[in-house]
Amino acid sequence: MARAKRNKPHRSTKVHDRRSHDLPRNAEVAAVEVDDPLALEPGEKIVTLRSIRNDPLARLHTHRQIDEAQYQGGRAFQDDWEKAERGPQAVDPTREYVDGVRVREPITERQRKAVLRLNRAERELGADGAALVHEVLVLGMTMEQVGQRRGLRGQRWTDYFARRFRECLDRLALIYGFATQRAAK
């Protein structure tokens, strides 16, 4: 006797999963929703993976330890730091060679404005807050590493630096306009 065939539900639209399943052994990633670059309609979103291995700010945001305004304030600080930084530069072979003397390139308006915003942030954060923000956002240190650098070890110090860093991110969110001042109670 022949068996009766079962009807399988038919999916008319197949969802394409663009996430990588072939990750390196020590990868630390988190799912994040972004605008679809291949979308036919504006506003369509896809879920992608971002690396949080060497990015303390993304790790805190992914684990919901900081909010969106704090995250955007930290990213704006990092962006200003990158604009203002005038570190080692590659040799430009298209420029004319003159006795090995390199003429300093003039400071651009973008760099000047970034330095002004960084100076304001440093004034408002104070010396200790500015140092903490620099260590975490520019040097990529964890709270444990910040404590070890200052000779302060232990969970209480780690918790203190984490709390202080979130306070600094609150201030950065205010400085860069991602948050508004709370009303006094």
N, C-alpha and C. Protein backbone atom coordinates (compact mmCIF):
# COMPACT_ATOMS: atom_id res chain seq x y z
N MET A 1 0.83 -1.17 0.00
CA MET A 1 0.00 0.00 0.00
C MET A 1 0.88 1.23 0.00
N ALA A 2 0.61 2.21 -0.82
CA ALA A 2 1.39 3.43 -0.94
C ALA A 2 1.04 4.40 0.18
N ARG A 3 2.06 5.12 0.62
CA ARG A 3 1.84 6.12 1.68
C ARG A 3 1.28 7.40 1.08
N ALA A 4 0.47 8.05 1.86
CA ALA A 4 -0.07 9.35 1.43
C ALA A 4 0.99 10.42 1.62
N LYS A 5 1.14 11.30 0.64
CA LYS A 5 2.11 12.39 0.73
C LYS A 5 1.56 13.49 1.62
N ARG A 6 2.44 14.03 2.45
CA ARG A 6 2.04 15.14 3.29
C ARG A 6 2.33 16.44 2.58
N ASN A 7 1.44 17.34 2.71
CA ASN A 7 1.65 18.66 2.11
C ASN A 7 2.54 19.50 3.02
N LYS A 8 3.63 19.98 2.48
CA LYS A 8 4.52 20.87 3.22
C LYS A 8 4.09 22.30 2.95
N PRO A 9 4.14 23.15 3.97
CA PRO A 9 3.79 24.55 3.71
C PRO A 9 4.80 25.16 2.74
N HIS A 10 4.32 25.91 1.79
CA HIS A 10 5.16 26.51 0.76
C HIS A 10 5.43 27.96 1.12
N ARG A 11 6.69 28.31 1.19
CA ARG A 11 7.06 29.70 1.44
C ARG A 11 7.26 30.38 0.10
N SER A 12 6.50 31.43 -0.11
CA SER A 12 6.64 32.13 -1.39
C SER A 12 7.83 33.07 -1.40
N THR A 13 8.13 33.68 -0.25
CA THR A 13 9.30 34.57 -0.19
C THR A 13 10.31 33.97 0.78
N LYS A 14 11.51 33.83 0.32
CA LYS A 14 12.57 33.27 1.14
C LYS A 14 13.41 34.42 1.68
N VAL A 15 13.61 34.42 2.99
CA VAL A 15 14.41 35.46 3.63
C VAL A 15 15.88 35.08 3.47
N HIS A 16 16.67 36.04 3.02
CA HIS A 16 18.08 35.77 2.82
C HIS A 16 18.85 36.22 4.05
N ASP A 17 19.56 35.31 4.67
CA ASP A 17 20.36 35.60 5.84
C ASP A 17 21.77 35.94 5.38
N ARG A 18 22.19 37.20 5.57
CA ARG A 18 23.50 37.64 5.10
C ARG A 18 24.57 37.57 6.19
N ARG A 19 24.21 37.04 7.35
CA ARG A 19 25.19 36.95 8.43
C ARG A 19 26.19 35.83 8.16
N SER A 20 27.42 36.09 8.51
CA SER A 20 28.47 35.10 8.32
C SER A 20 28.36 34.02 9.38
N HIS A 21 28.48 32.80 8.96
CA HIS A 21 28.49 31.68 9.89
C HIS A 21 29.88 31.10 10.03
N ASP A 22 30.82 31.64 9.28
CA ASP A 22 32.19 31.16 9.28
C ASP A 22 33.06 32.22 9.94
N LEU A 23 33.07 32.23 11.28
CA LEU A 23 33.80 33.24 12.03
C LEU A 23 35.11 32.67 12.57
N PRO A 24 36.11 33.53 12.75
CA PRO A 24 37.35 33.07 13.38
C PRO A 24 37.10 32.57 14.80
N ARG A 25 38.00 31.79 15.31
CA ARG A 25 37.85 31.17 16.62
C ARG A 25 37.68 32.19 17.75
N ASN A 26 38.43 33.27 17.74
CA ASN A 26 38.38 34.24 18.83
C ASN A 26 37.53 35.47 18.50
N ALA A 27 36.61 35.34 17.57
CA ALA A 27 35.76 36.47 17.19
C ALA A 27 34.74 36.76 18.27
N GLU A 28 34.52 38.04 18.51
CA GLU A 28 33.47 38.49 19.42
C GLU A 28 32.59 39.43 18.60
N VAL A 29 31.38 38.98 18.30
CA VAL A 29 30.50 39.76 17.45
C VAL A 29 29.14 39.93 18.12
N ALA A 30 28.41 40.92 17.63
CA ALA A 30 27.05 41.16 18.12
C ALA A 30 26.18 41.52 16.93
N ALA A 31 24.93 41.10 16.98
CA ALA A 31 24.00 41.42 15.91
C ALA A 31 23.55 42.87 16.04
N VAL A 32 23.50 43.57 14.92
CA VAL A 32 23.08 44.97 14.90
C VAL A 32 22.23 45.18 13.65
N GLU A 33 21.20 46.00 13.78
CA GLU A 33 20.31 46.28 12.67
C GLU A 33 20.76 47.55 11.97
N VAL A 34 20.97 47.48 10.64
CA VAL A 34 21.44 48.63 9.85
C VAL A 34 20.57 48.77 8.60
N ASP A 35 20.71 49.92 7.93
CA ASP A 35 20.01 50.13 6.67
C ASP A 35 20.54 49.17 5.62
N ASP A 36 19.64 48.61 4.83
CA ASP A 36 20.02 47.65 3.79
C ASP A 36 20.59 48.40 2.60
N PRO A 37 21.88 48.19 2.26
CA PRO A 37 22.45 48.90 1.12
C PRO A 37 21.90 48.41 -0.22
N LEU A 38 21.31 47.21 -0.26
CA LEU A 38 20.78 46.65 -1.50
C LEU A 38 19.25 46.73 -1.56
N ALA A 39 18.66 47.53 -0.68
CA ALA A 39 17.21 47.60 -0.59
C ALA A 39 16.61 48.33 -1.79
N LEU A 40 15.44 47.89 -2.18
CA LEU A 40 14.72 48.56 -3.25
C LEU A 40 13.89 49.73 -2.70
N GLU A 41 13.46 49.61 -1.45
CA GLU A 41 12.68 50.66 -0.82
C GLU A 41 13.51 51.30 0.29
N PRO A 42 13.51 52.63 0.42
CA PRO A 42 14.28 53.26 1.50
C PRO A 42 13.72 52.90 2.87
N GLY A 43 14.61 52.74 3.82
CA GLY A 43 14.20 52.41 5.18
C GLY A 43 14.21 50.94 5.52
N GLU A 44 14.48 50.08 4.55
CA GLU A 44 14.54 48.65 4.85
C GLU A 44 15.79 48.37 5.67
N LYS A 45 15.67 47.45 6.60
CA LYS A 45 16.76 47.12 7.52
C LYS A 45 17.17 45.67 7.35
N ILE A 46 18.44 45.39 7.69
CA ILE A 46 18.94 44.02 7.75
C ILE A 46 19.71 43.86 9.06
N VAL A 47 19.87 42.64 9.47
CA VAL A 47 20.64 42.34 10.66
C VAL A 47 22.02 41.87 10.22
N THR A 48 23.06 42.54 10.72
CA THR A 48 24.43 42.18 10.39
C THR A 48 25.19 41.95 11.69
N LEU A 49 26.41 41.49 11.56
CA LEU A 49 27.26 41.27 12.72
C LEU A 49 28.36 42.32 12.73
N ARG A 50 28.63 42.88 13.92
CA ARG A 50 29.75 43.81 14.06
C ARG A 50 30.68 43.27 15.12
N SER A 51 31.95 43.53 14.92
CA SER A 51 32.95 43.05 15.86
C SER A 51 32.98 43.97 17.08
N ILE A 52 32.99 43.35 18.26
CA ILE A 52 33.09 44.13 19.49
C ILE A 52 34.35 43.76 20.26
N ARG A 53 35.25 43.07 19.61
CA ARG A 53 36.44 42.55 20.27
C ARG A 53 37.35 43.66 20.79
N ASN A 54 37.67 44.64 19.98
CA ASN A 54 38.59 45.71 20.39
C ASN A 54 37.87 47.05 20.47
N ASP A 55 36.59 47.03 20.74
CA ASP A 55 35.80 48.25 20.79
C ASP A 55 34.99 48.28 22.09
N PRO A 56 35.55 48.87 23.15
CA PRO A 56 34.85 48.87 24.43
C PRO A 56 33.51 49.59 24.38
N LEU A 57 33.40 50.64 23.57
CA LEU A 57 32.15 51.38 23.48
C LEU A 57 31.05 50.53 22.85
N ALA A 58 31.37 49.81 21.80
CA ALA A 58 30.39 48.93 21.16
C ALA A 58 30.00 47.78 22.08
N ARG A 59 30.96 47.29 22.86
CA ARG A 59 30.66 46.21 23.80
C ARG A 59 29.67 46.69 24.86
N LEU A 60 29.89 47.88 25.41
CA LEU A 60 28.97 48.42 26.41
C LEU A 60 27.58 48.65 25.82
N HIS A 61 27.53 49.13 24.59
CA HIS A 61 26.25 49.40 23.94
C HIS A 61 25.52 48.09 23.63
N THR A 62 26.24 47.10 23.18
CA THR A 62 25.65 45.80 22.85
C THR A 62 25.07 45.13 24.08
N HIS A 63 25.76 45.24 25.20
CA HIS A 63 25.30 44.62 26.44
C HIS A 63 24.33 45.52 27.21
N ARG A 64 23.87 46.59 26.56
CA ARG A 64 22.90 47.53 27.12
C ARG A 64 23.35 48.14 28.45
N GLN A 65 24.64 48.40 28.58
CA GLN A 65 25.16 49.06 29.76
C GLN A 65 25.21 50.57 29.58
N ILE A 66 25.12 51.02 28.32
CA ILE A 66 24.98 52.44 28.02
C ILE A 66 23.85 52.60 27.01
N ASP A 67 23.26 53.79 26.98
CA ASP A 67 22.14 54.01 26.06
C ASP A 67 22.64 54.59 24.74
N GLU A 68 21.70 54.85 23.83
CA GLU A 68 22.05 55.31 22.48
C GLU A 68 22.73 56.68 22.51
N ALA A 69 22.26 57.60 23.36
CA ALA A 69 22.85 58.94 23.43
C ALA A 69 24.29 58.87 23.92
N GLN A 70 24.56 58.04 24.92
CA GLN A 70 25.92 57.88 25.42
C GLN A 70 26.81 57.27 24.34
N TYR A 71 26.29 56.30 23.62
CA TYR A 71 27.05 55.65 22.54
C TYR A 71 27.39 56.67 21.45
N GLN A 72 26.40 57.46 21.02
CA GLN A 72 26.64 58.44 19.96
C GLN A 72 27.60 59.54 20.43
N GLY A 73 27.50 59.94 21.70
CA GLY A 73 28.44 60.93 22.25
C GLY A 73 29.86 60.40 22.24
N GLY A 74 30.05 59.14 22.60
CA GLY A 74 31.38 58.53 22.57
C GLY A 74 31.92 58.42 21.16
N ARG A 75 31.06 58.05 20.21
CA ARG A 75 31.49 57.97 18.81
C ARG A 75 31.85 59.35 18.26
N ALA A 76 31.11 60.38 18.65
CA ALA A 76 31.42 61.74 18.20
C ALA A 76 32.78 62.18 18.74
N PHE A 77 33.07 61.83 20.00
CA PHE A 77 34.38 62.14 20.58
C PHE A 77 35.48 61.43 19.80
N GLN A 78 35.29 60.15 19.50
CA GLN A 78 36.29 59.40 18.73
C GLN A 78 36.49 60.02 17.35
N ASP A 79 35.39 60.45 16.72
CA ASP A 79 35.47 61.07 15.40
C ASP A 79 36.27 62.37 15.46
N ASP A 80 36.00 63.19 16.47
CA ASP A 80 36.75 64.44 16.62
C ASP A 80 38.23 64.16 16.89
N TRP A 81 38.51 63.14 17.67
CA TRP A 81 39.90 62.81 17.96
C TRP A 81 40.63 62.41 16.67
N GLU A 82 39.98 61.62 15.83
CA GLU A 82 40.60 61.20 14.57
C GLU A 82 40.81 62.38 13.64
N LYS A 83 39.86 63.33 13.61
CA LYS A 83 40.01 64.52 12.76
C LYS A 83 41.16 65.39 13.24
N ALA A 84 41.26 65.56 14.55
CA ALA A 84 42.25 66.48 15.10
C ALA A 84 43.65 65.89 15.12
N GLU A 85 43.76 64.58 15.12
CA GLU A 85 45.06 63.93 15.23
C GLU A 85 45.88 64.16 13.97
N ARG A 86 47.12 64.53 14.19
CA ARG A 86 48.02 64.73 13.05
C ARG A 86 49.26 63.89 13.26
N GLY A 87 49.07 62.61 13.33
CA GLY A 87 50.16 61.68 13.60
C GLY A 87 51.03 61.46 12.38
N PRO A 88 51.75 60.34 12.38
CA PRO A 88 52.62 60.02 11.25
C PRO A 88 51.82 59.93 9.96
N GLN A 89 52.40 60.48 8.90
CA GLN A 89 51.72 60.47 7.61
C GLN A 89 52.59 59.76 6.59
N ALA A 90 51.96 59.15 5.63
CA ALA A 90 52.68 58.45 4.58
C ALA A 90 53.32 59.45 3.63
N VAL A 91 54.36 59.01 2.96
CA VAL A 91 55.04 59.84 1.98
C VAL A 91 54.16 59.92 0.74
N ASP A 92 53.94 61.11 0.27
CA ASP A 92 53.12 61.32 -0.92
C ASP A 92 54.03 61.41 -2.13
N PRO A 93 54.08 60.38 -3.00
CA PRO A 93 55.00 60.40 -4.14
C PRO A 93 54.61 61.41 -5.22
N THR A 94 53.40 61.94 -5.17
CA THR A 94 52.98 62.90 -6.19
C THR A 94 53.51 64.30 -5.90
N ARG A 95 53.94 64.55 -4.66
CA ARG A 95 54.47 65.87 -4.32
C ARG A 95 55.92 65.98 -4.74
N GLU A 96 56.34 67.19 -5.03
CA GLU A 96 57.70 67.45 -5.49
C GLU A 96 58.70 67.25 -4.35
N TYR A 97 59.79 66.55 -4.64
CA TYR A 97 60.84 66.29 -3.65
C TYR A 97 61.76 67.50 -3.58
N VAL A 98 61.94 68.03 -2.36
CA VAL A 98 62.82 69.19 -2.20
C VAL A 98 63.73 68.93 -1.00
N ASP A 99 64.93 68.45 -1.22
CA ASP A 99 65.96 68.25 -0.19
C ASP A 99 65.47 67.51 1.05
N GLY A 100 64.47 66.68 0.93
CA GLY A 100 64.01 65.89 2.06
C GLY A 100 63.25 66.67 3.12
N VAL A 101 63.04 67.96 2.90
CA VAL A 101 62.33 68.77 3.87
C VAL A 101 60.84 68.70 3.56
N ARG A 102 60.08 68.29 4.57
CA ARG A 102 58.63 68.21 4.37
C ARG A 102 57.99 69.48 4.90
N VAL A 103 57.20 70.09 4.08
CA VAL A 103 56.46 71.27 4.48
C VAL A 103 55.22 70.80 5.22
N ARG A 104 54.99 71.40 6.38
CA ARG A 104 53.81 71.03 7.15
C ARG A 104 52.56 71.49 6.42
N GLU A 105 51.60 70.59 6.36
CA GLU A 105 50.34 70.94 5.73
C GLU A 105 49.55 71.83 6.66
N PRO A 106 48.84 72.80 6.13
CA PRO A 106 48.09 73.71 7.00
C PRO A 106 46.94 72.98 7.69
N ILE A 107 46.56 73.51 8.84
CA ILE A 107 45.46 72.94 9.60
C ILE A 107 44.16 73.31 8.89
N THR A 108 43.32 72.32 8.67
CA THR A 108 42.05 72.57 7.98
C THR A 108 41.01 73.09 8.97
N GLU A 109 39.95 73.63 8.45
CA GLU A 109 38.86 74.15 9.28
C GLU A 109 38.21 73.02 10.07
N ARG A 110 38.09 71.87 9.45
CA ARG A 110 37.52 70.70 10.13
C ARG A 110 38.34 70.30 11.34
N GLN A 111 39.67 70.31 11.19
CA GLN A 111 40.56 69.98 12.29
C GLN A 111 40.45 71.02 13.40
N ARG A 112 40.37 72.29 13.03
CA ARG A 112 40.28 73.36 14.02
C ARG A 112 39.01 73.22 14.85
N LYS A 113 37.88 72.95 14.19
CA LYS A 113 36.61 72.80 14.92
C LYS A 113 36.63 71.56 15.81
N ALA A 114 37.26 70.49 15.34
CA ALA A 114 37.36 69.28 16.15
C ALA A 114 38.19 69.54 17.41
N VAL A 115 39.28 70.28 17.27
CA VAL A 115 40.12 70.61 18.43
C VAL A 115 39.34 71.48 19.41
N LEU A 116 38.57 72.42 18.92
CA LEU A 116 37.77 73.27 19.80
C LEU A 116 36.74 72.44 20.59
N ARG A 117 36.08 71.48 19.91
CA ARG A 117 35.13 70.62 20.61
C ARG A 117 35.82 69.73 21.63
N LEU A 118 37.01 69.22 21.28
CA LEU A 118 37.77 68.39 22.23
C LEU A 118 38.21 69.20 23.44
N ASN A 119 38.61 70.46 23.23
CA ASN A 119 39.01 71.32 24.35
C ASN A 119 37.82 71.58 25.27
N ARG A 120 36.66 71.82 24.69
CA ARG A 120 35.46 72.04 25.50
C ARG A 120 35.12 70.78 26.30
N ALA A 121 35.22 69.62 25.64
CA ALA A 121 34.93 68.36 26.33
C ALA A 121 35.91 68.14 27.47
N GLU A 122 37.18 68.43 27.27
CA GLU A 122 38.18 68.26 28.31
C GLU A 122 37.92 69.19 29.50
N ARG A 123 37.52 70.43 29.22
CA ARG A 123 37.18 71.36 30.30
C ARG A 123 35.99 70.86 31.11
N GLU A 124 34.97 70.37 30.44
CA GLU A 124 33.77 69.94 31.14
C GLU A 124 33.94 68.60 31.86
N LEU A 125 34.79 67.73 31.34
CA LEU A 125 35.01 66.43 31.98
C LEU A 125 35.98 66.51 33.14
N GLY A 126 36.84 67.51 33.13
CA GLY A 126 37.88 67.60 34.16
C GLY A 126 39.07 66.75 33.77
N ALA A 127 40.15 66.90 34.51
CA ALA A 127 41.38 66.19 34.17
C ALA A 127 41.21 64.68 34.28
N ASP A 128 40.61 64.22 35.38
CA ASP A 128 40.46 62.78 35.58
C ASP A 128 39.48 62.18 34.57
N GLY A 129 38.36 62.86 34.33
CA GLY A 129 37.37 62.37 33.37
C GLY A 129 37.91 62.34 31.96
N ALA A 130 38.67 63.39 31.58
CA ALA A 130 39.25 63.43 30.24
C ALA A 130 40.27 62.32 30.06
N ALA A 131 41.06 62.04 31.11
CA ALA A 131 42.04 60.95 31.03
C ALA A 131 41.34 59.61 30.90
N LEU A 132 40.26 59.41 31.66
CA LEU A 132 39.51 58.15 31.60
C LEU A 132 38.89 57.95 30.22
N VAL A 133 38.27 59.00 29.68
CA VAL A 133 37.65 58.91 28.36
C VAL A 133 38.72 58.63 27.30
N HIS A 134 39.87 59.27 27.40
CA HIS A 134 40.95 59.04 26.43
C HIS A 134 41.44 57.61 26.50
N GLU A 135 41.62 57.08 27.71
CA GLU A 135 42.12 55.71 27.86
C GLU A 135 41.14 54.69 27.27
N VAL A 136 39.86 54.91 27.46
CA VAL A 136 38.88 53.93 26.98
C VAL A 136 38.58 54.13 25.50
N LEU A 137 38.26 55.36 25.09
CA LEU A 137 37.80 55.59 23.71
C LEU A 137 38.93 55.68 22.69
N VAL A 138 40.08 56.18 23.08
CA VAL A 138 41.18 56.32 22.12
C VAL A 138 42.14 55.14 22.20
N LEU A 139 42.52 54.77 23.43
CA LEU A 139 43.48 53.67 23.58
C LEU A 139 42.81 52.30 23.62
N GLY A 140 41.48 52.25 23.82
CA GLY A 140 40.74 50.99 23.79
C GLY A 140 40.94 50.13 25.02
N MET A 141 41.20 50.74 26.16
CA MET A 141 41.45 49.98 27.39
C MET A 141 40.14 49.59 28.06
N THR A 142 40.18 48.47 28.78
CA THR A 142 39.04 48.05 29.58
C THR A 142 39.14 48.71 30.95
N MET A 143 38.07 48.59 31.74
CA MET A 143 38.08 49.20 33.07
C MET A 143 39.14 48.55 33.96
N GLU A 144 39.37 47.26 33.81
CA GLU A 144 40.40 46.58 34.59
C GLU A 144 41.78 47.14 34.23
N GLN A 145 42.02 47.36 32.94
CA GLN A 145 43.30 47.90 32.50
C GLN A 145 43.49 49.34 32.98
N VAL A 146 42.41 50.11 33.02
CA VAL A 146 42.50 51.48 33.53
C VAL A 146 42.92 51.45 34.99
N GLY A 147 42.29 50.57 35.77
CA GLY A 147 42.66 50.46 37.18
C GLY A 147 44.09 49.99 37.37
N GLN A 148 44.52 49.02 36.59
CA GLN A 148 45.89 48.52 36.71
C GLN A 148 46.90 49.59 36.33
N ARG A 149 46.57 50.41 35.33
CA ARG A 149 47.47 51.48 34.90
C ARG A 149 47.66 52.50 36.02
N ARG A 150 46.61 52.68 36.83
CA ARG A 150 46.67 53.64 37.94
C ARG A 150 47.07 52.99 39.26
N GLY A 151 47.36 51.69 39.22
CA GLY A 151 47.77 50.98 40.42
C GLY A 151 46.62 50.68 41.37
N LEU A 152 45.41 50.63 40.84
CA LEU A 152 44.22 50.37 41.66
C LEU A 152 43.57 49.09 41.15
N ARG A 153 43.70 48.02 41.90
CA ARG A 153 43.16 46.74 41.48
C ARG A 153 41.96 46.37 42.33
N GLY A 154 41.12 45.51 41.81
CA GLY A 154 39.98 45.00 42.56
C GLY A 154 38.66 45.36 41.90
N GLN A 155 37.63 44.61 42.27
CA GLN A 155 36.31 44.79 41.66
C GLN A 155 35.69 46.14 42.02
N ARG A 156 35.95 46.64 43.22
CA ARG A 156 35.37 47.93 43.61
C ARG A 156 35.92 49.06 42.75
N TRP A 157 37.22 49.01 42.45
CA TRP A 157 37.79 50.05 41.58
C TRP A 157 37.29 49.91 40.15
N THR A 158 37.15 48.68 39.68
CA THR A 158 36.61 48.46 38.33
C THR A 158 35.20 49.01 38.23
N ASP A 159 34.38 48.75 39.24
CA ASP A 159 33.02 49.28 39.26
C ASP A 159 33.02 50.80 39.32
N TYR A 160 33.94 51.37 40.09
CA TYR A 160 34.04 52.83 40.18
C TYR A 160 34.37 53.44 38.82
N PHE A 161 35.39 52.88 38.14
CA PHE A 161 35.78 53.42 36.84
C PHE A 161 34.66 53.26 35.82
N ALA A 162 33.92 52.16 35.88
CA ALA A 162 32.80 51.95 34.96
C ALA A 162 31.71 52.99 35.20
N ARG A 163 31.39 53.24 36.47
CA ARG A 163 30.37 54.24 36.80
C ARG A 163 30.83 55.63 36.39
N ARG A 164 32.09 55.95 36.65
CA ARG A 164 32.65 57.27 36.27
C ARG A 164 32.67 57.43 34.75
N PHE A 165 32.98 56.36 34.04
CA PHE A 165 33.00 56.43 32.58
C PHE A 165 31.61 56.69 32.02
N ARG A 166 30.58 56.07 32.60
CA ARG A 166 29.21 56.33 32.15
C ARG A 166 28.81 57.78 32.43
N GLU A 167 29.26 58.33 33.55
CA GLU A 167 29.01 59.75 33.83
C GLU A 167 29.67 60.63 32.77
N CYS A 168 30.89 60.29 32.38
CA CYS A 168 31.59 61.05 31.34
C CYS A 168 30.87 60.93 30.00
N LEU A 169 30.33 59.74 29.69
CA LEU A 169 29.57 59.57 28.45
C LEU A 169 28.29 60.40 28.48
N ASP A 170 27.66 60.51 29.66
CA ASP A 170 26.49 61.39 29.80
C ASP A 170 26.87 62.83 29.45
N ARG A 171 28.01 63.28 29.95
CA ARG A 171 28.47 64.65 29.68
C ARG A 171 28.79 64.82 28.20
N LEU A 172 29.42 63.82 27.58
CA LEU A 172 29.72 63.90 26.14
C LEU A 172 28.44 63.96 25.31
N ALA A 173 27.42 63.21 25.73
CA ALA A 173 26.14 63.24 25.01
C ALA A 173 25.54 64.64 25.08
N LEU A 174 25.70 65.32 26.21
CA LEU A 174 25.21 66.69 26.32
C LEU A 174 26.03 67.65 25.46
N ILE A 175 27.35 67.50 25.49
CA ILE A 175 28.24 68.39 24.73
C ILE A 175 27.96 68.29 23.24
N TYR A 176 27.80 67.08 22.73
CA TYR A 176 27.61 66.88 21.30
C TYR A 176 26.15 66.96 20.86
N GLY A 177 25.25 67.19 21.80
CA GLY A 177 23.85 67.42 21.44
C GLY A 177 23.01 66.18 21.23
N PHE A 178 23.43 65.04 21.77
CA PHE A 178 22.64 63.83 21.65
C PHE A 178 21.68 63.63 22.81
N ALA A 179 21.79 64.49 23.82
CA ALA A 179 20.92 64.43 24.99
C ALA A 179 20.67 65.86 25.45
N THR A 180 19.63 66.02 26.27
CA THR A 180 19.35 67.34 26.84
C THR A 180 19.51 67.27 28.35
N GLN A 181 19.73 68.43 28.94
CA GLN A 181 19.93 68.51 30.39
C GLN A 181 18.65 68.14 31.10
N ARG A 182 18.75 67.35 32.14
CA ARG A 182 17.60 66.97 32.94
C ARG A 182 17.18 68.15 33.81
N ALA A 183 15.87 68.26 34.05
CA ALA A 183 15.36 69.32 34.91
C ALA A 183 15.72 69.02 36.35
N ALA A 184 16.04 70.06 37.11
CA ALA A 184 16.39 69.88 38.52
C ALA A 184 15.16 69.46 39.31
N LYS A 185 15.34 68.52 40.22
CA LYS A 185 14.21 68.01 41.00
C LYS A 185 13.97 68.84 42.23
